[in-house]
Amino acid sequence: MKNIKKIFLLFVVVSGAAILSACSISSNSEGSGPTGNIFFSADKGTTFKLINTMPTIGQEIKSIGGVEVDGFYSDPSDSRAVYMASRENGLFYTYDITKGWNVANLNEPKIESVAVSHDNKCLIYVAAKNRLYRTTDCSRSFSQTYYDTSTDLVINDVVVDFYNPKNIYIATSRGEVIKSIDRGESWRTIWRFEEPVLKLLLSPLDSRKIFAATKSNRVYSFFSDTTTEANLSNLNQNFEATRFKDLNDVLADMEIGDKFTDIKATNDGDIYLATNKAILRSPDDGITWEKISLLSSEEDSNILAIDVNPKNGDEIYYGSATTFFKSLDGGVSWNSKRLSTSWRASDIMVDYREGNNIYLGAERQPKEEGSGFLKVGLVD
């Protein structure tokens, strides 16, 4: 009799969670247990509560516990209104996190960035791949307001001018900073860098001053005029980038790591630059920088997310693959606690009005080499 060979598939499980489990909405009232993704603290990070439920009609409680968090973005007119960009499941929002999350009506899985207009809380811009969307009805419907013909391009960031909300800026993976002076109706490139621009930051002291952070930890600043009656007739003036500064000469001598994490600012104008190995502070718009002492050595640091209380630059928070760190004295001393999830920190946001409130998002740990593969074998 011939031997019958049976083909079998062996799927390797990583960290006790099956890779085949979808990042979709479920009806698990307990969320995702040890793989929690959205945490909220009302006491400056002393304690955190997992909040990843969705309100529904009826008594069923749904969870977004499998959703990976890419970033949190707050409404500048209401700090309790928070938008959460996910890596694979679209855009979510809440007007009170204690009541859970809602999903926006936008058919885009990967959300890169979100910005809410400073003069209209229902006017929101959402970057997804090579497109920028706009909603004027508080996320009920979206229309496309920018599109790039290259499907390889990614809009990494979008920001709104807080002084003149007609001015919108986007940063692209092609190295461009692109500006609109009419709320996204038309666009023009105002600067080109030689590498992807990951983040834009408008100075809180002067919205015309823009900081651009690139993929290789390089930081630049320049000015872009705001639209006024005086220069409205000279459109070119509105799209000029002036007083350009390369802020990297001093950074090059500081061994700050090889991966950009984030750039933040406090209300008084201090700039914080975070990389995978260091946190730096500048009191003078990036002309000089000082390293903030960390609890672990730079070699052992793995800074994945950071935020600073905009009202108090001494309150600094960052997260790694396993740990949440906080300092309330500008980095003189730190408190650390292990994340109550097997996932790693992906974003931290401090409530700009109520500094006690902190949002912490998480994503899956990257797969180790040689794990998570699908193996095919033969059995006699």
Protein backbone atom coordinates (compact mmCIF):
# COMPACT_ATOMS: atom_id res chain seq x y z
CA MET A 1 0.00 0.00 0.00
CA LYS A 2 1.27 3.44 -0.88
CA ASN A 3 2.07 5.81 1.88
CA ILE A 4 -0.35 8.69 1.98
CA LYS A 5 1.41 11.97 2.58
CA LYS A 6 -0.58 14.61 4.34
CA ILE A 7 0.26 18.26 4.02
CA PHE A 8 -0.08 20.18 7.20
CA LEU A 9 0.28 23.82 8.06
CA LEU A 10 1.87 24.87 11.29
CA PHE A 11 1.28 28.43 12.31
CA VAL A 12 3.67 29.73 14.92
CA VAL A 13 2.19 31.81 17.65
CA VAL A 14 4.08 34.86 18.84
CA SER A 15 3.89 36.05 22.45
CA GLY A 16 0.84 33.93 23.10
CA ALA A 17 -1.33 35.75 20.53
CA ALA A 18 -2.20 34.24 17.17
CA ILE A 19 -1.04 36.39 14.29
CA LEU A 20 -4.16 35.51 12.36
CA SER A 21 -6.36 37.35 14.84
CA ALA A 22 -7.77 40.41 13.08
CA CYS A 23 -7.33 44.01 14.22
CA SER A 24 -11.04 44.56 13.99
CA ILE A 25 -13.89 45.52 16.26
CA SER A 26 -15.09 42.71 18.49
CA SER A 27 -17.76 42.25 21.13
CA ASN A 28 -15.35 41.37 23.92
CA SER A 29 -16.36 43.55 26.85
CA GLU A 30 -13.02 42.97 28.52
CA GLY A 31 -11.07 44.46 25.61
CA SER A 32 -7.93 42.58 24.67
CA GLY A 33 -6.61 41.72 28.10
CA PRO A 34 -2.82 41.63 28.24
CA THR A 35 -2.61 43.11 24.75
CA GLY A 36 -4.26 46.40 25.73
CA ASN A 37 -3.95 49.27 23.29
CA ILE A 38 -5.47 52.50 24.67
CA PHE A 39 -4.81 53.63 28.22
CA PHE A 40 -5.92 56.75 30.08
CA SER A 41 -4.54 58.27 33.26
CA ALA A 42 -6.13 61.07 35.29
CA ASP A 43 -3.20 61.35 37.73
CA LYS A 44 -0.15 62.13 35.58
CA GLY A 45 0.57 58.51 34.79
CA THR A 46 0.50 57.11 38.32
CA THR A 47 -2.33 54.78 37.34
CA PHE A 48 -3.74 53.90 33.92
CA LYS A 49 -7.09 52.47 32.88
CA LEU A 50 -7.63 50.49 29.69
CA ILE A 51 -10.39 52.18 27.66
CA ASN A 52 -11.05 50.63 24.27
CA THR A 53 -14.81 50.14 24.24
CA MET A 54 -17.34 51.47 21.73
CA PRO A 55 -20.86 52.57 22.63
CA THR A 56 -23.59 50.71 20.75
CA ILE A 57 -27.35 50.72 20.50
CA GLY A 58 -28.60 48.22 23.04
CA GLN A 59 -26.62 46.45 25.73
CA GLU A 60 -23.84 44.93 23.66
CA ILE A 61 -20.39 46.32 24.43
CA LYS A 62 -17.91 46.30 21.59
CA SER A 63 -14.17 46.66 21.82
CA ILE A 64 -11.42 47.99 19.57
CA GLY A 65 -8.85 46.12 21.62
CA GLY A 66 -7.05 44.73 18.58
CA VAL A 67 -6.48 48.15 16.97
CA GLU A 68 -2.89 49.42 16.85
CA VAL A 69 -2.53 53.09 17.77
CA ASP A 70 -0.50 55.32 15.47
CA GLY A 71 -1.19 58.66 17.15
CA PHE A 72 -3.50 60.86 19.23
CA TYR A 73 -4.61 64.34 18.11
CA SER A 74 -6.68 66.78 20.14
CA ASP A 75 -9.18 69.45 19.17
CA PRO A 76 -7.59 72.85 19.95
CA SER A 77 -10.95 74.18 21.15
CA ASP A 78 -11.87 71.17 23.31
CA SER A 79 -9.12 69.07 24.87
CA ARG A 80 -11.55 66.24 25.63
CA ALA A 81 -12.22 65.77 21.91
CA VAL A 82 -9.47 63.37 20.82
CA TYR A 83 -8.85 61.68 17.47
CA MET A 84 -6.96 58.40 17.26
CA ALA A 85 -5.19 57.39 14.08
CA SER A 86 -4.78 53.65 13.71
CA ARG A 87 -2.32 51.62 11.68
CA GLU A 88 -4.84 49.35 9.97
CA ASN A 89 -8.38 50.20 11.09
CA GLY A 90 -9.07 53.81 10.21
CA LEU A 91 -9.90 56.85 12.30
CA PHE A 92 -11.51 56.84 15.73
CA TYR A 93 -12.62 59.70 17.94
CA THR A 94 -14.01 60.44 21.39
CA TYR A 95 -15.51 63.51 23.03
CA ASP A 96 -15.09 61.96 26.47
CA ILE A 97 -12.76 58.98 26.73
CA THR A 98 -14.55 57.64 29.80
CA LYS A 99 -17.50 56.94 27.47
CA GLY A 100 -15.45 55.09 24.88
CA TRP A 101 -14.62 55.54 21.20
CA ASN A 102 -16.48 56.08 17.93
CA VAL A 103 -15.34 55.18 14.42
CA ALA A 104 -15.27 57.87 11.72
CA ASN A 105 -16.95 57.33 8.37
CA LEU A 106 -13.72 57.24 6.37
CA ASN A 107 -12.82 54.25 4.23
CA GLU A 108 -9.05 54.38 4.79
CA PRO A 109 -7.31 51.77 6.96
CA LYS A 110 -3.96 53.48 7.60
CA ILE A 111 -4.20 57.00 9.06
CA GLU A 112 -1.00 59.07 9.10
CA SER A 113 -2.02 62.33 10.75
CA VAL A 114 -5.00 64.42 11.88
CA ALA A 115 -5.44 68.16 12.38
CA VAL A 116 -8.51 70.03 13.62
CA SER A 117 -9.09 73.63 12.57
CA HIS A 118 -8.66 76.23 15.29
CA ASP A 119 -11.81 78.15 14.33
CA ASN A 120 -14.17 75.26 13.54
CA LYS A 121 -14.13 72.02 15.52
CA CYS A 122 -16.09 70.22 12.81
CA LEU A 123 -13.47 71.06 10.16
CA ILE A 124 -10.90 68.26 10.32
CA TYR A 125 -8.08 67.21 8.00
CA VAL A 126 -6.96 63.58 7.81
CA ALA A 127 -3.89 62.28 5.98
CA ALA A 128 -4.00 58.75 4.60
CA LYS A 129 -1.33 57.44 2.22
CA ASN A 130 -1.10 59.84 -0.74
CA ARG A 131 -4.38 61.62 0.02
CA LEU A 132 -5.62 64.33 2.34
CA TYR A 133 -9.27 64.26 3.34
CA ARG A 134 -11.42 66.98 4.85
CA THR A 135 -14.62 66.79 6.83
CA THR A 136 -16.81 69.80 7.60
CA ASP A 137 -19.47 67.91 9.56
CA CYS A 138 -17.53 66.40 12.47
CA SER A 139 -16.47 63.14 10.77
CA ARG A 140 -19.87 62.22 9.36
CA SER A 141 -18.59 62.52 5.78
CA PHE A 142 -15.24 63.16 4.11
CA SER A 143 -14.10 64.58 0.79
CA GLN A 144 -10.68 64.44 -0.81
CA THR A 145 -8.86 67.76 -0.78
CA TYR A 146 -5.37 66.71 -1.89
CA TYR A 147 -4.18 63.81 -4.03
CA ASP A 148 -0.71 62.89 -5.28
CA THR A 149 -0.42 60.82 -8.43
CA SER A 150 2.41 58.75 -6.95
CA THR A 151 0.97 55.82 -5.03
CA ASP A 152 4.33 55.43 -3.27
CA LEU A 153 4.06 58.86 -1.66
CA VAL A 154 2.86 59.17 1.94
CA ILE A 155 1.58 62.34 3.58
CA ASN A 156 3.33 62.00 6.93
CA ASP A 157 1.89 65.04 8.69
CA VAL A 158 -0.73 67.77 8.42
CA VAL A 159 -0.91 70.91 10.56
CA VAL A 160 -3.22 73.94 10.67
CA ASP A 161 -2.03 77.50 11.31
CA PHE A 162 -3.48 78.52 14.68
CA TYR A 163 -3.28 82.24 13.84
CA ASN A 164 -4.82 81.94 10.38
CA PRO A 165 -6.63 78.58 10.00
CA LYS A 166 -6.88 79.09 6.24
CA ASN A 167 -3.21 78.06 6.08
CA ILE A 168 -2.69 74.27 5.95
CA TYR A 169 0.68 72.51 5.69
CA ILE A 170 1.44 68.91 4.77
CA ALA A 171 4.77 67.02 4.87
CA THR A 172 5.50 64.20 2.46
CA SER A 173 7.72 61.17 2.18
CA ARG A 174 9.20 62.75 -0.94
CA GLY A 175 10.66 65.55 1.20
CA GLU A 176 8.17 68.30 0.38
CA VAL A 177 6.42 70.85 2.55
CA ILE A 178 3.22 71.82 0.73
CA LYS A 179 0.97 74.73 1.68
CA SER A 180 -2.63 75.75 1.10
CA ILE A 181 -3.90 79.27 1.87
CA ASP A 182 -7.57 78.45 1.26
CA ARG A 183 -8.33 75.57 3.64
CA GLY A 184 -7.13 72.92 1.22
CA GLU A 185 -8.78 74.03 -2.00
CA SER A 186 -5.44 74.62 -3.75
CA TRP A 187 -1.81 73.78 -2.95
CA ARG A 188 1.76 74.77 -3.68
CA THR A 189 5.11 73.29 -2.65
CA ILE A 190 7.07 75.81 -0.57
CA TRP A 191 10.18 73.73 0.28
CA ARG A 192 11.87 70.51 -0.81
CA PHE A 193 14.22 68.45 1.33
CA GLU A 194 16.40 65.57 0.22
CA GLU A 195 14.71 63.02 2.48
CA PRO A 196 11.23 62.34 3.90
CA VAL A 197 9.78 64.97 6.22
CA LEU A 198 8.18 63.14 9.14
CA LYS A 199 6.86 65.96 11.30
CA LEU A 200 6.01 69.66 11.13
CA LEU A 201 5.81 71.89 14.20
CA LEU A 202 4.52 75.46 14.25
CA SER A 203 6.17 77.63 16.87
CA PRO A 204 3.61 78.37 19.61
CA LEU A 205 5.00 81.92 19.76
CA ASP A 206 4.72 82.66 16.03
CA SER A 207 2.75 80.39 13.70
CA ARG A 208 4.75 81.64 10.72
CA LYS A 209 7.82 79.83 12.05
CA ILE A 210 7.86 76.18 11.03
CA PHE A 211 10.13 73.38 12.24
CA ALA A 212 10.59 70.40 9.94
CA ALA A 213 12.01 67.09 11.22
CA THR A 214 13.27 64.55 8.70
CA LYS A 215 13.82 60.82 8.71
CA SER A 216 17.50 60.96 9.66
CA ASN A 217 16.99 63.12 12.77
CA ARG A 218 17.69 66.38 10.99
CA VAL A 219 15.81 69.52 12.05
CA TYR A 220 15.30 72.73 10.10
CA SER A 221 13.29 75.91 10.56
CA PHE A 222 11.93 78.54 8.19
CA PHE A 223 9.21 81.18 7.98
CA SER A 224 6.10 81.18 5.81
CA ASP A 225 3.96 84.31 5.71
CA THR A 226 0.36 84.20 6.75
CA THR A 227 -2.30 85.47 4.36
CA THR A 228 -3.37 89.04 5.11
CA GLU A 229 -5.22 91.78 3.24
CA ALA A 230 -1.86 93.44 2.67
CA ASN A 231 -0.32 90.55 0.78
CA LEU A 232 -3.43 88.95 -0.68
CA SER A 233 -2.75 90.52 -4.09
CA ASN A 234 0.79 89.04 -4.10
CA LEU A 235 0.15 85.29 -4.03
CA ASN A 236 3.84 84.46 -4.38
CA GLN A 237 4.52 86.14 -1.05
CA ASN A 238 2.17 83.70 0.67
CA PHE A 239 4.15 80.74 -0.64
CA GLU A 240 7.66 81.98 0.07
CA ALA A 241 9.83 80.15 2.62
CA THR A 242 12.26 82.62 4.15
CA ARG A 243 14.90 82.78 6.91
CA PHE A 244 15.76 79.12 6.44
CA LYS A 245 18.03 77.63 9.15
CA ASP A 246 19.83 74.31 9.28
CA LEU A 247 19.83 73.42 12.99
CA ASN A 248 21.96 70.31 12.70
CA ASP A 249 25.52 71.52 13.24
CA VAL A 250 25.26 71.30 17.02
CA LEU A 251 23.12 68.13 16.88
CA ALA A 252 25.75 66.35 14.79
CA ASP A 253 28.19 66.46 17.71
CA MET A 254 25.75 65.12 20.31
CA GLU A 255 25.30 61.47 19.24
CA ILE A 256 21.54 61.56 19.48
CA GLY A 257 20.65 58.22 17.92
CA ASP A 258 19.68 57.14 14.45
CA LYS A 259 15.87 57.21 14.47
CA PHE A 260 13.53 60.19 14.84
CA THR A 261 10.75 59.80 17.41
CA ASP A 262 8.97 63.16 17.76
CA ILE A 263 9.29 66.92 18.14
CA LYS A 264 7.19 68.88 20.66
CA ALA A 265 6.88 72.41 22.03
CA THR A 266 5.68 74.05 25.21
CA ASN A 267 3.52 77.17 25.30
CA ASP A 268 6.52 79.32 26.19
CA GLY A 269 8.40 78.18 23.09
CA ASP A 270 10.80 75.51 24.36
CA ILE A 271 11.38 72.81 21.73
CA TYR A 272 11.84 69.12 22.62
CA LEU A 273 13.40 66.69 20.16
CA ALA A 274 13.17 62.96 20.85
CA THR A 275 15.05 60.19 19.08
CA ASN A 276 15.30 56.50 19.86
CA LYS A 277 18.26 57.23 22.17
CA ALA A 278 17.87 60.77 23.52
CA ILE A 279 15.58 63.63 24.53
CA LEU A 280 16.87 67.15 23.89
CA ARG A 281 15.51 70.56 24.83
CA SER A 282 16.13 73.90 23.14
CA PRO A 283 15.16 77.24 24.76
CA ASP A 284 16.08 79.29 21.68
CA ASP A 285 14.34 77.77 18.65
CA GLY A 286 16.98 75.13 18.04
CA ILE A 287 20.07 77.32 18.12
CA THR A 288 21.34 75.46 21.18
CA TRP A 289 20.31 72.11 22.64
CA GLU A 290 20.79 70.33 25.94
CA LYS A 291 20.37 66.62 26.57
CA ILE A 292 17.91 65.60 29.25
CA SER A 293 19.25 62.93 31.58
CA LEU A 294 17.43 59.62 31.23
CA LEU A 295 16.93 56.84 33.73
CA SER A 296 18.57 54.26 31.49
CA SER A 297 21.76 54.68 29.50
CA GLU A 298 21.51 55.94 25.94
CA GLU A 299 22.69 52.55 24.69
CA ASP A 300 19.79 50.86 26.47
CA SER A 301 17.17 53.51 25.69
CA ASN A 302 14.43 52.78 23.19
CA ILE A 303 12.26 55.89 23.11
CA LEU A 304 9.17 55.12 21.04
CA ALA A 305 6.76 57.83 22.20
CA ILE A 306 7.02 61.12 24.08
CA ASP A 307 5.04 64.15 25.17
CA VAL A 308 5.58 67.18 27.36
CA ASN A 309 2.98 69.12 29.30
CA PRO A 310 2.65 72.27 27.16
CA LYS A 311 1.94 74.31 30.30
CA ASN A 312 4.92 72.92 32.22
CA GLY A 313 8.01 71.71 30.39
CA ASP A 314 9.30 70.00 33.52
CA GLU A 315 6.62 67.32 33.10
CA ILE A 316 8.05 64.88 30.54
CA TYR A 317 6.66 61.45 29.66
CA TYR A 318 8.01 58.78 27.34
CA GLY A 319 7.41 55.14 26.56
CA SER A 320 9.55 52.24 25.39
CA ALA A 321 8.83 48.67 24.34
CA THR A 322 8.00 47.67 27.91
CA THR A 323 8.03 50.72 30.19
CA PHE A 324 6.37 54.10 30.86
CA PHE A 325 8.64 56.82 32.24
CA LYS A 326 7.75 60.17 33.76
CA SER A 327 9.67 63.09 35.20
CA LEU A 328 8.07 66.03 36.97
CA ASP A 329 11.31 67.97 37.46
CA GLY A 330 12.68 68.33 33.95
CA GLY A 331 14.57 65.05 33.92
CA VAL A 332 16.40 65.43 37.24
CA SER A 333 14.62 62.31 38.46
CA TRP A 334 12.38 59.72 36.85
CA ASN A 335 9.67 57.29 37.83
CA SER A 336 9.19 54.15 35.76
CA LYS A 337 6.52 51.47 35.60
CA ARG A 338 6.07 48.47 33.39
CA LEU A 339 3.38 48.77 30.75
CA SER A 340 0.34 46.63 31.60
CA THR A 341 0.32 45.17 28.10
CA SER A 342 2.46 42.90 26.00
CA TRP A 343 2.35 45.55 23.26
CA ARG A 344 4.79 48.48 23.10
CA ALA A 345 4.17 52.22 23.47
CA SER A 346 3.37 53.97 20.19
CA ASP A 347 2.15 57.43 21.28
CA ILE A 348 1.68 59.56 24.38
CA MET A 349 -0.44 62.70 24.61
CA VAL A 350 -0.84 65.10 27.53
CA ASP A 351 -4.13 66.98 27.76
CA TYR A 352 -3.15 70.59 26.99
CA ARG A 353 -5.72 71.98 29.44
CA GLU A 354 -5.82 69.34 32.16
CA GLY A 355 -2.21 68.25 32.57
CA ASN A 356 -3.17 65.39 34.86
CA ASN A 357 -4.82 63.59 31.93
CA ILE A 358 -2.54 61.41 29.81
CA TYR A 359 -3.34 59.17 26.85
CA LEU A 360 -1.05 56.25 26.05
CA GLY A 361 -1.40 54.20 22.90
CA ALA A 362 0.23 50.89 22.04
CA GLU A 363 1.04 48.73 19.04
CA ARG A 364 2.18 45.16 18.53
CA GLN A 365 5.77 44.30 19.25
CA PRO A 366 7.75 43.72 16.04
CA LYS A 367 8.24 40.08 15.11
CA GLU A 368 11.55 38.56 16.03
CA GLU A 369 13.58 37.14 13.20
CA GLY A 370 12.49 33.61 12.42
CA SER A 371 9.12 33.83 14.16
CA GLY A 372 5.60 34.20 12.88
CA PHE A 373 6.22 32.19 9.72
CA LEU A 374 3.97 29.74 7.99
CA LYS A 375 5.62 26.36 7.75
CA VAL A 376 4.62 23.66 5.26
CA GLY A 377 5.69 20.04 5.83
CA LEU A 378 4.98 16.48 4.77
CA VAL A 379 3.90 13.63 7.03
CA ASP A 380 3.97 10.00 5.99
